[in-house]
């Protein structure tokens, strides 16, 4: 689970683990894929280096809000 930049990173990590050695961001990683990830106010990484990671096929839940309430 990740929020904002953490959500974008959670998606990148999920994609790296599902692709295993067939991607070039972290080609030496050895870990089984995650079963799902949760993205809260996440976004797609817009760097050329990460284009090979999309689309992400790992199941995910995306929480997107439009209202911010601040309580004092």
PDB file of N, CA and C in Angstrom:
ATOM      1  N   UNK A   1       0.850  -1.169   0.000  1.00  0.00           N
ATOM      2  CA  UNK A   1       0.000   0.000   0.000  1.00  0.00           C
ATOM      3  C   UNK A   1       0.890   1.224   0.000  1.00  0.00           C
ATOM      4  N   UNK A   2       0.470   2.212  -0.779  1.00  0.00           N
ATOM      5  CA  UNK A   2       1.237   3.437  -0.811  1.00  0.00           C
ATOM      6  C   UNK A   2       0.340   4.637  -1.026  1.00  0.00           C
ATOM      7  N   UNK A   3       0.810   5.818  -0.562  1.00  0.00           N
ATOM      8  CA  UNK A   3       0.086   7.064  -0.728  1.00  0.00           C
ATOM      9  C   UNK A   3       0.926   8.020  -1.558  1.00  0.00           C
ATOM     10  N   UNK A   4       0.350   8.616  -2.600  1.00  0.00           N
ATOM     11  CA  UNK A   4       0.979   9.596  -3.464  1.00  0.00           C
ATOM     12  C   UNK A   4       2.245   9.007  -4.103  1.00  0.00           C
ATOM     13  N   UNK A   5       3.411   9.536  -3.794  1.00  0.00           N
ATOM     14  CA  UNK A   5       4.648   9.016  -4.382  1.00  0.00           C
ATOM     15  C   UNK A   5       4.888   7.569  -3.965  1.00  0.00           C
ATOM     16  N   UNK A   6       4.469   7.223  -2.763  1.00  0.00           N
ATOM     17  CA  UNK A   6       4.584   5.834  -2.306  1.00  0.00           C
ATOM     18  C   UNK A   6       3.691   4.911  -3.108  1.00  0.00           C
ATOM     19  N   UNK A   7       2.528   5.408  -3.536  1.00  0.00           N
ATOM     20  CA  UNK A   7       1.630   4.613  -4.368  1.00  0.00           C
ATOM     21  C   UNK A   7       2.234   4.384  -5.745  1.00  0.00           C
ATOM     22  N   UNK A   8       2.853   5.413  -6.300  1.00  0.00           N
ATOM     23  CA  UNK A   8       3.534   5.258  -7.588  1.00  0.00           C
ATOM     24  C   UNK A   8       4.664   4.234  -7.467  1.00  0.00           C
ATOM     25  N   UNK A   9       5.378   4.293  -6.356  1.00  0.00           N
ATOM     26  CA  UNK A   9       6.477   3.347  -6.140  1.00  0.00           C
ATOM     27  C   UNK A   9       5.955   1.936  -5.902  1.00  0.00           C
ATOM     28  N   UNK A  10       4.821   1.799  -5.205  1.00  0.00           N
ATOM     29  CA  UNK A  10       4.215   0.476  -5.000  1.00  0.00           C
ATOM     30  C   UNK A  10       3.864  -0.154  -6.342  1.00  0.00           C
ATOM     31  N   UNK A  11       3.349   0.645  -7.267  1.00  0.00           N
ATOM     32  CA  UNK A  11       3.022   0.141  -8.598  1.00  0.00           C
ATOM     33  C   UNK A  11       4.283  -0.292  -9.351  1.00  0.00           C
ATOM     34  N   UNK A  12       5.341   0.500  -9.239  1.00  0.00           N
ATOM     35  CA  UNK A  12       6.607   0.157  -9.902  1.00  0.00           C
ATOM     36  C   UNK A  12       7.171  -1.138  -9.327  1.00  0.00           C
ATOM     37  N   UNK A  13       7.156  -1.270  -8.011  1.00  0.00           N
ATOM     38  CA  UNK A  13       7.673  -2.496  -7.379  1.00  0.00           C
ATOM     39  C   UNK A  13       6.832  -3.703  -7.789  1.00  0.00           C
ATOM     40  N   UNK A  14       5.506  -3.554  -7.804  1.00  0.00           N
ATOM     41  CA  UNK A  14       4.638  -4.658  -8.232  1.00  0.00           C
ATOM     42  C   UNK A  14       4.951  -5.064  -9.657  1.00  0.00           C
ATOM     43  N   UNK A  15       5.159  -4.094 -10.527  1.00  0.00           N
ATOM     44  CA  UNK A  15       5.473  -4.398 -11.922  1.00  0.00           C
ATOM     45  C   UNK A  15       6.834  -5.084 -12.066  1.00  0.00           C
ATOM     46  N   UNK A  16       7.825  -4.591 -11.333  1.00  0.00           N
ATOM     47  CA  UNK A  16       9.160  -5.203 -11.388  1.00  0.00           C
ATOM     48  C   UNK A  16       9.080  -6.662 -10.949  1.00  0.00           C
ATOM     49  N   UNK A  17       8.336  -6.933  -9.873  1.00  0.00           N
ATOM     50  CA  UNK A  17       8.247  -8.302  -9.370  1.00  0.00           C
ATOM     51  C   UNK A  17       7.451  -9.204 -10.301  1.00  0.00           C
ATOM     52  N   UNK A  18       6.451  -8.686 -11.013  1.00  0.00           N
ATOM     53  CA  UNK A  18       5.684  -9.531 -11.928  1.00  0.00           C
ATOM     54  C   UNK A  18       6.475  -9.842 -13.192  1.00  0.00           C
ATOM     55  N   UNK A  19       7.351  -8.946 -13.594  1.00  0.00           N
ATOM     56  CA  UNK A  19       8.126  -9.150 -14.814  1.00  0.00           C
ATOM     57  C   UNK A  19       9.433  -9.902 -14.555  1.00  0.00           C
ATOM     58  N   UNK A  20       9.853  -9.995 -13.306  1.00  0.00           N
ATOM     59  CA  UNK A  20      11.069 -10.724 -12.962  1.00  0.00           C
ATOM     60  C   UNK A  20      12.278 -10.184 -13.698  1.00  0.00           C
ATOM     61  N   UNK A  21      12.976 -11.032 -14.384  1.00  0.00           N
ATOM     62  CA  UNK A  21      14.190 -10.637 -15.096  1.00  0.00           C
ATOM     63  C   UNK A  21      13.954 -10.030 -16.459  1.00  0.00           C
ATOM     64  N   UNK A  22      12.705  -9.892 -16.910  1.00  0.00           N
ATOM     65  CA  UNK A  22      12.437  -9.393 -18.253  1.00  0.00           C
ATOM     66  C   UNK A  22      12.314  -7.870 -18.317  1.00  0.00           C
ATOM     67  N   UNK A  23      12.672  -7.169 -17.276  1.00  0.00           N
ATOM     68  CA  UNK A  23      12.665  -5.710 -17.291  1.00  0.00           C
ATOM     69  C   UNK A  23      14.081  -5.219 -17.017  1.00  0.00           C
ATOM     70  N   UNK A  24      14.338  -3.946 -17.282  1.00  0.00           N
ATOM     71  CA  UNK A  24      15.710  -3.447 -17.166  1.00  0.00           C
ATOM     72  C   UNK A  24      15.908  -2.409 -16.062  1.00  0.00           C
ATOM     73  N   UNK A  25      14.915  -2.224 -15.183  1.00  0.00           N
ATOM     74  CA  UNK A  25      15.076  -1.266 -14.085  1.00  0.00           C
ATOM     75  C   UNK A  25      15.914  -1.885 -12.975  1.00  0.00           C
ATOM     76  N   UNK A  26      15.533  -3.080 -12.512  1.00  0.00           N
ATOM     77  CA  UNK A  26      16.303  -3.840 -11.521  1.00  0.00           C
ATOM     78  C   UNK A  26      16.420  -5.285 -12.004  1.00  0.00           C
ATOM     79  N   UNK A  27      17.285  -5.564 -12.966  1.00  0.00           N
ATOM     80  CA  UNK A  27      17.303  -6.893 -13.586  1.00  0.00           C
ATOM     81  C   UNK A  27      17.764  -8.034 -12.688  1.00  0.00           C
ATOM     82  N   UNK A  28      18.373  -7.750 -11.536  1.00  0.00           N
ATOM     83  CA  UNK A  28      18.900  -8.840 -10.713  1.00  0.00           C
ATOM     84  C   UNK A  28      17.995  -9.200  -9.540  1.00  0.00           C
ATOM     85  N   UNK A  29      16.818  -8.587  -9.435  1.00  0.00           N
ATOM     86  CA  UNK A  29      15.952  -8.855  -8.288  1.00  0.00           C
ATOM     87  C   UNK A  29      15.364 -10.266  -8.368  1.00  0.00           C
ATOM     88  N   UNK A  30      15.362 -10.969  -7.245  1.00  0.00           N
ATOM     89  CA  UNK A  30      14.829 -12.326  -7.157  1.00  0.00           C
ATOM     90  C   UNK A  30      13.808 -12.368  -6.033  1.00  0.00           C
ATOM     91  N   UNK A  31      12.540 -12.232  -6.363  1.00  0.00           N
ATOM     92  CA  UNK A  31      11.477 -12.241  -5.358  1.00  0.00           C
ATOM     93  C   UNK A  31      10.194 -12.637  -6.065  1.00  0.00           C
ATOM     94  N   UNK A  32       9.323 -13.394  -5.433  1.00  0.00           N
ATOM     95  CA  UNK A  32       8.054 -13.746  -6.085  1.00  0.00           C
ATOM     96  C   UNK A  32       7.165 -12.510  -6.243  1.00  0.00           C
ATOM     97  N   UNK A  33       6.250 -12.519  -7.208  1.00  0.00           N
ATOM     98  CA  UNK A  33       5.345 -11.378  -7.403  1.00  0.00           C
ATOM     99  C   UNK A  33       4.427 -11.169  -6.202  1.00  0.00           C
ATOM    100  N   UNK A  34       3.983  -9.924  -6.012  1.00  0.00           N
ATOM    101  CA  UNK A  34       2.998  -9.648  -4.971  1.00  0.00           C
ATOM    102  C   UNK A  34       1.623 -10.033  -5.504  1.00  0.00           C
ATOM    103  N   UNK A  35       0.684 -10.319  -4.609  1.00  0.00           N
ATOM    104  CA  UNK A  35      -0.654 -10.737  -5.034  1.00  0.00           C
ATOM    105  C   UNK A  35      -1.520  -9.548  -5.422  1.00  0.00           C
ATOM    106  N   UNK A  36      -1.318  -8.381  -4.810  1.00  0.00           N
ATOM    107  CA  UNK A  36      -2.066  -7.165  -5.135  1.00  0.00           C
ATOM    108  C   UNK A  36      -1.367  -5.985  -4.471  1.00  0.00           C
ATOM    109  N   UNK A  37      -1.763  -4.783  -4.871  1.00  0.00           N
ATOM    110  CA  UNK A  37      -1.286  -3.591  -4.173  1.00  0.00           C
ATOM    111  C   UNK A  37      -2.414  -2.568  -4.122  1.00  0.00           C
ATOM    112  N   UNK A  38      -2.318  -1.635  -3.162  1.00  0.00           N
ATOM    113  CA  UNK A  38      -3.316  -0.588  -2.982  1.00  0.00           C
ATOM    114  C   UNK A  38      -2.638   0.749  -3.237  1.00  0.00           C
ATOM    115  N   UNK A  39      -3.250   1.532  -4.111  1.00  0.00           N
ATOM    116  CA  UNK A  39      -2.724   2.837  -4.482  1.00  0.00           C
ATOM    117  C   UNK A  39      -3.692   3.914  -3.998  1.00  0.00           C
ATOM    118  N   UNK A  40      -3.219   4.800  -3.117  1.00  0.00           N
ATOM    119  CA  UNK A  40      -4.044   5.895  -2.616  1.00  0.00           C
ATOM    120  C   UNK A  40      -3.472   7.195  -3.181  1.00  0.00           C
ATOM    121  N   UNK A  41      -4.224   7.836  -4.052  1.00  0.00           N
ATOM    122  CA  UNK A  41      -3.799   9.083  -4.708  1.00  0.00           C
ATOM    123  C   UNK A  41      -2.471   8.894  -5.448  1.00  0.00           C
ATOM    124  N   UNK A  42      -2.351   7.776  -6.134  1.00  0.00           N
ATOM    125  CA  UNK A  42      -1.131   7.473  -6.869  1.00  0.00           C
ATOM    126  C   UNK A  42      -1.142   8.044  -8.276  1.00  0.00           C
ATOM    127  N   UNK A  43      -0.047   7.854  -8.969  1.00  0.00           N
ATOM    128  CA  UNK A  43       0.091   8.339 -10.339  1.00  0.00           C
ATOM    129  C   UNK A  43       1.095   7.458 -11.076  1.00  0.00           C
ATOM    130  N   UNK A  44       1.134   7.602 -12.388  1.00  0.00           N
ATOM    131  CA  UNK A  44       2.082   6.849 -13.204  1.00  0.00           C
ATOM    132  C   UNK A  44       3.410   7.597 -13.247  1.00  0.00           C
ATOM    133  N   UNK A  45       4.506   6.866 -13.069  1.00  0.00           N
ATOM    134  CA  UNK A  45       5.832   7.466 -13.181  1.00  0.00           C
ATOM    135  C   UNK A  45       6.059   7.880 -14.629  1.00  0.00           C
ATOM    136  N   UNK A  46       6.395   9.121 -14.871  1.00  0.00           N
ATOM    137  CA  UNK A  46       6.559   9.644 -16.219  1.00  0.00           C
ATOM    138  C   UNK A  46       8.025   9.839 -16.581  1.00  0.00           C
ATOM    139  N   UNK A  47       8.811   8.786 -16.427  1.00  0.00           N
ATOM    140  CA  UNK A  47      10.209   8.814 -16.824  1.00  0.00           C
ATOM    141  C   UNK A  47      10.417   7.721 -17.862  1.00  0.00           C
ATOM    142  N   UNK A  48      11.212   7.997 -18.878  1.00  0.00           N
ATOM    143  CA  UNK A  48      11.452   7.027 -19.950  1.00  0.00           C
ATOM    144  C   UNK A  48      11.948   5.688 -19.408  1.00  0.00           C
ATOM    145  N   UNK A  49      12.734   5.739 -18.345  1.00  0.00           N
ATOM    146  CA  UNK A  49      13.301   4.520 -17.767  1.00  0.00           C
ATOM    147  C   UNK A  49      12.210   3.554 -17.294  1.00  0.00           C
ATOM    148  N   UNK A  50      11.045   4.072 -16.871  1.00  0.00           N
ATOM    149  CA  UNK A  50       9.983   3.240 -16.315  1.00  0.00           C
ATOM    150  C   UNK A  50       8.926   2.825 -17.339  1.00  0.00           C
ATOM    151  N   UNK A  51       9.028   3.289 -18.582  1.00  0.00           N
ATOM    152  CA  UNK A  51       8.021   2.947 -19.594  1.00  0.00           C
ATOM    153  C   UNK A  51       7.885   1.449 -19.817  1.00  0.00           C
ATOM    154  N   UNK A  52       8.967   0.701 -19.652  1.00  0.00           N
ATOM    155  CA  UNK A  52       8.920  -0.748 -19.871  1.00  0.00           C
ATOM    156  C   UNK A  52       8.117  -1.472 -18.790  1.00  0.00           C
ATOM    157  N   UNK A  53       7.806  -0.803 -17.686  1.00  0.00           N
ATOM    158  CA  UNK A  53       7.079  -1.436 -16.585  1.00  0.00           C
ATOM    159  C   UNK A  53       5.569  -1.396 -16.753  1.00  0.00           C
ATOM    160  N   UNK A  54       5.092  -0.620 -17.686  1.00  0.00           N
ATOM    161  CA  UNK A  54       3.652  -0.480 -17.910  1.00  0.00           C
ATOM    162  C   UNK A  54       3.243  -1.238 -19.159  1.00  0.00           C
ATOM    163  N   UNK A  55       2.056  -1.804 -19.234  1.00  0.00           N
ATOM    164  CA  UNK A  55       1.000  -1.817 -18.225  1.00  0.00           C
ATOM    165  C   UNK A  55       1.315  -2.788 -17.092  1.00  0.00           C
ATOM    166  N   UNK A  56       0.746  -2.523 -15.940  1.00  0.00           N
ATOM    167  CA  UNK A  56       0.915  -3.366 -14.759  1.00  0.00           C
ATOM    168  C   UNK A  56      -0.276  -4.312 -14.693  1.00  0.00           C
ATOM    169  N   UNK A  57      -0.002  -5.591 -14.588  1.00  0.00           N
ATOM    170  CA  UNK A  57      -1.060  -6.597 -14.586  1.00  0.00           C
ATOM    171  C   UNK A  57      -1.404  -7.112 -13.185  1.00  0.00           C
ATOM    172  N   UNK A  58      -0.631  -6.732 -12.195  1.00  0.00           N
ATOM    173  CA  UNK A  58      -0.908  -7.126 -10.818  1.00  0.00           C
ATOM    174  C   UNK A  58      -2.243  -6.515 -10.380  1.00  0.00           C
ATOM    175  N   UNK A  59      -3.131  -7.296  -9.766  1.00  0.00           N
ATOM    176  CA  UNK A  59      -4.394  -6.732  -9.289  1.00  0.00           C
ATOM    177  C   UNK A  59      -4.139  -5.568  -8.322  1.00  0.00           C
ATOM    178  N   UNK A  60      -4.981  -4.541  -8.434  1.00  0.00           N
ATOM    179  CA  UNK A  60      -4.772  -3.368  -7.595  1.00  0.00           C
ATOM    180  C   UNK A  60      -6.101  -2.697  -7.263  1.00  0.00           C
ATOM    181  N   UNK A  61      -6.079  -1.935  -6.177  1.00  0.00           N
ATOM    182  CA  UNK A  61      -7.210  -1.100  -5.806  1.00  0.00           C
ATOM    183  C   UNK A  61      -6.705   0.336  -5.774  1.00  0.00           C
ATOM    184  N   UNK A  62      -7.419   1.225  -6.458  1.00  0.00           N
ATOM    185  CA  UNK A  62      -7.015   2.627  -6.527  1.00  0.00           C
ATOM    186  C   UNK A  62      -8.027   3.486  -5.781  1.00  0.00           C
ATOM    187  N   UNK A  63      -7.534   4.278  -4.833  1.00  0.00           N
ATOM    188  CA  UNK A  63      -8.372   5.187  -4.072  1.00  0.00           C
ATOM    189  C   UNK A  63      -8.008   6.600  -4.525  1.00  0.00           C
ATOM    190  N   UNK A  64      -8.993   7.298  -5.101  1.00  0.00           N
ATOM    191  CA  UNK A  64      -8.749   8.643  -5.606  1.00  0.00           C
ATOM    192  C   UNK A  64      -9.763   9.576  -4.954  1.00  0.00           C
ATOM    193  N   UNK A  65      -9.277  10.609  -4.312  1.00  0.00           N
ATOM    194  CA  UNK A  65     -10.162  11.548  -3.632  1.00  0.00           C
ATOM    195  C   UNK A  65     -10.205  12.892  -4.336  1.00  0.00           C
ATOM    196  N   UNK A  66     -11.307  13.598  -4.162  1.00  0.00           N
ATOM    197  CA  UNK A  66     -11.428  14.933  -4.739  1.00  0.00           C
ATOM    198  C   UNK A  66     -11.674  15.988  -3.669  1.00  0.00           C
ATOM    199  N   UNK A  67     -11.871  15.583  -2.437  1.00  0.00           N
ATOM    200  CA  UNK A  67     -12.188  16.513  -1.369  1.00  0.00           C
ATOM    201  C   UNK A  67     -11.218  16.289  -0.212  1.00  0.00           C
ATOM    202  N   UNK A  68     -10.626  17.363   0.250  1.00  0.00           N
ATOM    203  CA  UNK A  68      -9.730  17.285   1.400  1.00  0.00           C
ATOM    204  C   UNK A  68     -10.386  18.044   2.545  1.00  0.00           C
ATOM    205  N   UNK A  69     -10.519  17.382   3.674  1.00  0.00           N
ATOM    206  CA  UNK A  69     -11.118  17.991   4.855  1.00  0.00           C
ATOM    207  C   UNK A  69     -10.030  18.114   5.915  1.00  0.00           C
ATOM    208  N   UNK A  70      -9.842  19.324   6.396  1.00  0.00           N
ATOM    209  CA  UNK A  70      -8.840  19.560   7.440  1.00  0.00           C
ATOM    210  C   UNK A  70      -9.588  19.892   8.725  1.00  0.00           C
ATOM    211  N   UNK A  71      -9.310  19.147   9.762  1.00  0.00           N
ATOM    212  CA  UNK A  71      -9.952  19.362  11.060  1.00  0.00           C
ATOM    213  C   UNK A  71      -8.911  19.872  12.050  1.00  0.00           C
ATOM    214  N   UNK A  72      -9.272  20.908  12.768  1.00  0.00           N
ATOM    215  CA  UNK A  72      -8.350  21.463  13.772  1.00  0.00           C
ATOM    216  C   UNK A  72      -8.921  21.277  15.154  1.00  0.00           C
TER     217      UNK A  72
END
